[in-house]
Amino acid sequence: MRLPQDIGANDLIKALSKLGYQITRQTGSHIRLTTINKGQHHISIPNHNPVKIGTLSSILSDVAEHFDTNKEEIIRILFKS
């Protein structure tokens, strides 16, 4: 499955909520999300529309590493139709 090309920060936050991420704070144009699933994990995402594809890829790689899976599985969980 391919990365979505035109996902905005709000859509990404909504998708990441499926894995238990919640907004914990916002500083400037960056939003910090935290999950306590499988241990505590923090990620920061830019509040941009759309999020650049390289940035999105990096965020999803970080999430996949935390959940001890691969990025393709995370994409399938977050963006399946």
N, C-alpha and C. Protein backbone atom coordinates (compact mmCIF):
# COMPACT_ATOMS: atom_id res chain seq x y z
N MET A 1 0.86 -1.19 0.00
CA MET A 1 0.00 0.00 0.00
C MET A 1 0.89 1.23 0.00
N ARG A 2 0.50 2.22 -0.78
CA ARG A 2 1.29 3.45 -0.91
C ARG A 2 0.90 4.48 0.15
N LEU A 3 1.83 5.38 0.41
CA LEU A 3 1.55 6.49 1.31
C LEU A 3 0.55 7.44 0.67
N PRO A 4 -0.40 7.97 1.43
CA PRO A 4 -1.29 8.98 0.86
C PRO A 4 -0.48 10.24 0.52
N GLN A 5 -0.76 10.83 -0.61
CA GLN A 5 0.02 11.97 -1.11
C GLN A 5 -0.46 13.32 -0.60
N ASP A 6 -1.68 13.40 -0.13
CA ASP A 6 -2.25 14.71 0.19
C ASP A 6 -2.91 14.75 1.56
N ILE A 7 -2.30 14.10 2.53
CA ILE A 7 -2.89 14.05 3.87
C ILE A 7 -2.45 15.27 4.68
N GLY A 8 -3.40 15.87 5.34
CA GLY A 8 -3.11 17.03 6.18
C GLY A 8 -2.89 16.60 7.62
N ALA A 9 -2.45 17.52 8.45
CA ALA A 9 -2.16 17.22 9.85
C ALA A 9 -3.38 16.70 10.59
N ASN A 10 -4.54 17.30 10.37
CA ASN A 10 -5.75 16.86 11.08
C ASN A 10 -6.13 15.44 10.71
N ASP A 11 -6.01 15.08 9.43
CA ASP A 11 -6.31 13.72 9.00
C ASP A 11 -5.30 12.73 9.58
N LEU A 12 -4.04 13.14 9.65
CA LEU A 12 -3.00 12.27 10.22
C LEU A 12 -3.25 12.06 11.71
N ILE A 13 -3.62 13.10 12.43
CA ILE A 13 -3.93 12.97 13.85
C ILE A 13 -5.10 12.00 14.05
N LYS A 14 -6.12 12.13 13.23
CA LYS A 14 -7.28 11.24 13.32
C LYS A 14 -6.88 9.80 13.06
N ALA A 15 -6.03 9.58 12.05
CA ALA A 15 -5.57 8.23 11.73
C ALA A 15 -4.73 7.65 12.87
N LEU A 16 -3.83 8.46 13.42
CA LEU A 16 -2.97 7.98 14.50
C LEU A 16 -3.74 7.69 15.78
N SER A 17 -4.92 8.27 15.92
CA SER A 17 -5.74 7.98 17.10
C SER A 17 -6.16 6.51 17.13
N LYS A 18 -6.17 5.84 15.99
CA LYS A 18 -6.47 4.41 15.93
C LYS A 18 -5.44 3.60 16.71
N LEU A 19 -4.24 4.15 16.85
CA LEU A 19 -3.17 3.47 17.58
C LEU A 19 -3.02 4.03 19.00
N GLY A 20 -3.97 4.86 19.42
CA GLY A 20 -3.97 5.38 20.78
C GLY A 20 -3.26 6.70 20.96
N TYR A 21 -2.82 7.34 19.88
CA TYR A 21 -2.15 8.64 20.00
C TYR A 21 -3.17 9.73 20.29
N GLN A 22 -2.81 10.62 21.20
CA GLN A 22 -3.64 11.77 21.54
C GLN A 22 -2.77 13.02 21.58
N ILE A 23 -3.37 14.15 21.29
CA ILE A 23 -2.64 15.42 21.34
C ILE A 23 -2.30 15.72 22.80
N THR A 24 -1.02 15.99 23.06
CA THR A 24 -0.62 16.35 24.41
C THR A 24 -0.23 17.82 24.51
N ARG A 25 0.23 18.42 23.40
CA ARG A 25 0.52 19.85 23.40
C ARG A 25 0.79 20.33 21.98
N GLN A 26 0.77 21.65 21.83
CA GLN A 26 1.12 22.25 20.55
C GLN A 26 2.04 23.43 20.83
N THR A 27 3.15 23.46 20.12
CA THR A 27 4.09 24.57 20.22
C THR A 27 4.30 25.11 18.82
N GLY A 28 3.86 26.33 18.58
CA GLY A 28 3.97 26.90 17.25
C GLY A 28 3.19 26.07 16.25
N SER A 29 3.86 25.64 15.19
CA SER A 29 3.18 24.88 14.15
C SER A 29 3.40 23.38 14.27
N HIS A 30 3.87 22.91 15.42
CA HIS A 30 4.08 21.48 15.63
C HIS A 30 3.18 20.97 16.75
N ILE A 31 2.61 19.80 16.51
CA ILE A 31 1.69 19.18 17.45
C ILE A 31 2.36 17.92 17.99
N ARG A 32 2.36 17.77 19.30
CA ARG A 32 2.96 16.59 19.91
C ARG A 32 1.86 15.61 20.25
N LEU A 33 2.03 14.36 19.82
CA LEU A 33 1.10 13.29 20.11
C LEU A 33 1.78 12.27 21.00
N THR A 34 1.02 11.65 21.89
CA THR A 34 1.56 10.65 22.80
C THR A 34 0.63 9.45 22.84
N THR A 35 1.22 8.26 22.91
CA THR A 35 0.46 7.04 23.15
C THR A 35 1.09 6.32 24.34
N ILE A 36 0.27 5.54 25.03
CA ILE A 36 0.80 4.70 26.10
C ILE A 36 0.67 3.22 25.73
N ASN A 37 0.20 2.95 24.51
CA ASN A 37 0.12 1.57 24.02
C ASN A 37 1.54 1.05 23.80
N LYS A 38 1.84 -0.10 24.35
CA LYS A 38 3.17 -0.73 24.24
C LYS A 38 4.27 0.19 24.78
N GLY A 39 3.97 0.90 25.84
CA GLY A 39 4.93 1.84 26.42
C GLY A 39 4.65 3.24 25.90
N GLN A 40 5.15 4.21 26.60
CA GLN A 40 4.91 5.61 26.21
C GLN A 40 5.77 5.97 25.01
N HIS A 41 5.15 6.69 24.06
CA HIS A 41 5.85 7.13 22.85
C HIS A 41 5.32 8.48 22.43
N HIS A 42 6.23 9.38 22.08
CA HIS A 42 5.87 10.73 21.64
C HIS A 42 6.31 10.93 20.19
N ILE A 43 5.49 11.62 19.43
CA ILE A 43 5.88 12.04 18.08
C ILE A 43 5.41 13.48 17.90
N SER A 44 6.13 14.21 17.07
CA SER A 44 5.73 15.58 16.72
C SER A 44 5.41 15.61 15.24
N ILE A 45 4.30 16.25 14.91
CA ILE A 45 3.94 16.38 13.51
C ILE A 45 3.72 17.87 13.21
N PRO A 46 4.10 18.29 12.01
CA PRO A 46 3.87 19.68 11.64
C PRO A 46 2.40 19.90 11.33
N ASN A 47 1.90 21.04 11.71
CA ASN A 47 0.50 21.38 11.43
C ASN A 47 0.41 22.00 10.04
N HIS A 48 0.69 21.18 9.03
CA HIS A 48 0.70 21.62 7.63
C HIS A 48 -0.37 20.87 6.85
N ASN A 49 -0.78 21.47 5.74
CA ASN A 49 -1.73 20.81 4.87
C ASN A 49 -1.29 21.01 3.43
N PRO A 50 -0.75 20.00 2.77
CA PRO A 50 -0.52 18.63 3.26
C PRO A 50 0.83 18.51 3.95
N VAL A 51 0.97 17.41 4.71
CA VAL A 51 2.26 17.06 5.33
C VAL A 51 3.15 16.54 4.21
N LYS A 52 4.39 17.01 4.14
CA LYS A 52 5.31 16.57 3.08
C LYS A 52 5.50 15.06 3.16
N ILE A 53 5.64 14.43 2.00
CA ILE A 53 5.70 12.98 1.90
C ILE A 53 6.90 12.40 2.66
N GLY A 54 8.03 13.07 2.64
CA GLY A 54 9.21 12.60 3.38
C GLY A 54 8.99 12.67 4.88
N THR A 55 8.33 13.73 5.32
CA THR A 55 8.01 13.89 6.74
C THR A 55 7.03 12.82 7.19
N LEU A 56 6.01 12.58 6.38
CA LEU A 56 5.02 11.55 6.67
C LEU A 56 5.69 10.18 6.76
N SER A 57 6.56 9.89 5.82
CA SER A 57 7.26 8.61 5.82
C SER A 57 8.09 8.44 7.08
N SER A 58 8.78 9.48 7.49
CA SER A 58 9.60 9.44 8.70
C SER A 58 8.74 9.22 9.95
N ILE A 59 7.62 9.90 10.04
CA ILE A 59 6.71 9.75 11.18
C ILE A 59 6.20 8.31 11.25
N LEU A 60 5.78 7.76 10.11
CA LEU A 60 5.25 6.40 10.10
C LEU A 60 6.33 5.37 10.40
N SER A 61 7.56 5.63 9.98
CA SER A 61 8.67 4.72 10.32
C SER A 61 8.90 4.72 11.82
N ASP A 62 8.84 5.88 12.44
CA ASP A 62 9.02 6.00 13.89
C ASP A 62 7.91 5.26 14.63
N VAL A 63 6.68 5.41 14.17
CA VAL A 63 5.54 4.72 14.78
C VAL A 63 5.71 3.20 14.61
N ALA A 64 6.10 2.76 13.43
CA ALA A 64 6.30 1.33 13.19
C ALA A 64 7.37 0.76 14.10
N GLU A 65 8.45 1.50 14.30
CA GLU A 65 9.51 1.04 15.19
C GLU A 65 9.00 0.89 16.61
N HIS A 66 8.20 1.84 17.06
CA HIS A 66 7.65 1.77 18.42
C HIS A 66 6.76 0.54 18.59
N PHE A 67 5.93 0.26 17.59
CA PHE A 67 5.01 -0.87 17.68
C PHE A 67 5.65 -2.18 17.22
N ASP A 68 6.95 -2.15 16.94
CA ASP A 68 7.71 -3.34 16.56
C ASP A 68 7.08 -4.07 15.37
N THR A 69 6.80 -3.29 14.33
CA THR A 69 6.24 -3.83 13.10
C THR A 69 6.87 -3.08 11.93
N ASN A 70 6.38 -3.34 10.72
CA ASN A 70 6.94 -2.62 9.58
C ASN A 70 6.01 -1.48 9.16
N LYS A 71 6.56 -0.58 8.39
CA LYS A 71 5.82 0.62 7.98
C LYS A 71 4.60 0.27 7.13
N GLU A 72 4.70 -0.76 6.31
CA GLU A 72 3.57 -1.17 5.47
C GLU A 72 2.36 -1.57 6.31
N GLU A 73 2.62 -2.27 7.42
CA GLU A 73 1.52 -2.68 8.31
C GLU A 73 0.88 -1.46 8.96
N ILE A 74 1.68 -0.50 9.37
CA ILE A 74 1.14 0.74 9.96
C ILE A 74 0.29 1.49 8.94
N ILE A 75 0.77 1.57 7.71
CA ILE A 75 -0.01 2.24 6.64
C ILE A 75 -1.34 1.54 6.44
N ARG A 76 -1.32 0.20 6.43
CA ARG A 76 -2.55 -0.58 6.25
C ARG A 76 -3.54 -0.30 7.40
N ILE A 77 -3.04 -0.25 8.64
CA ILE A 77 -3.90 0.00 9.79
C ILE A 77 -4.51 1.41 9.73
N LEU A 78 -3.67 2.40 9.40
CA LEU A 78 -4.12 3.79 9.47
C LEU A 78 -4.96 4.25 8.28
N PHE A 79 -4.65 3.74 7.09
CA PHE A 79 -5.26 4.32 5.89
C PHE A 79 -6.10 3.37 5.06
N LYS A 80 -6.45 2.20 5.62
CA LYS A 80 -7.28 1.29 4.83
C LYS A 80 -8.64 1.91 4.58
N SER A 81 -9.23 1.58 3.46
CA SER A 81 -10.50 2.19 3.07
C SER A 81 -11.67 1.68 3.86
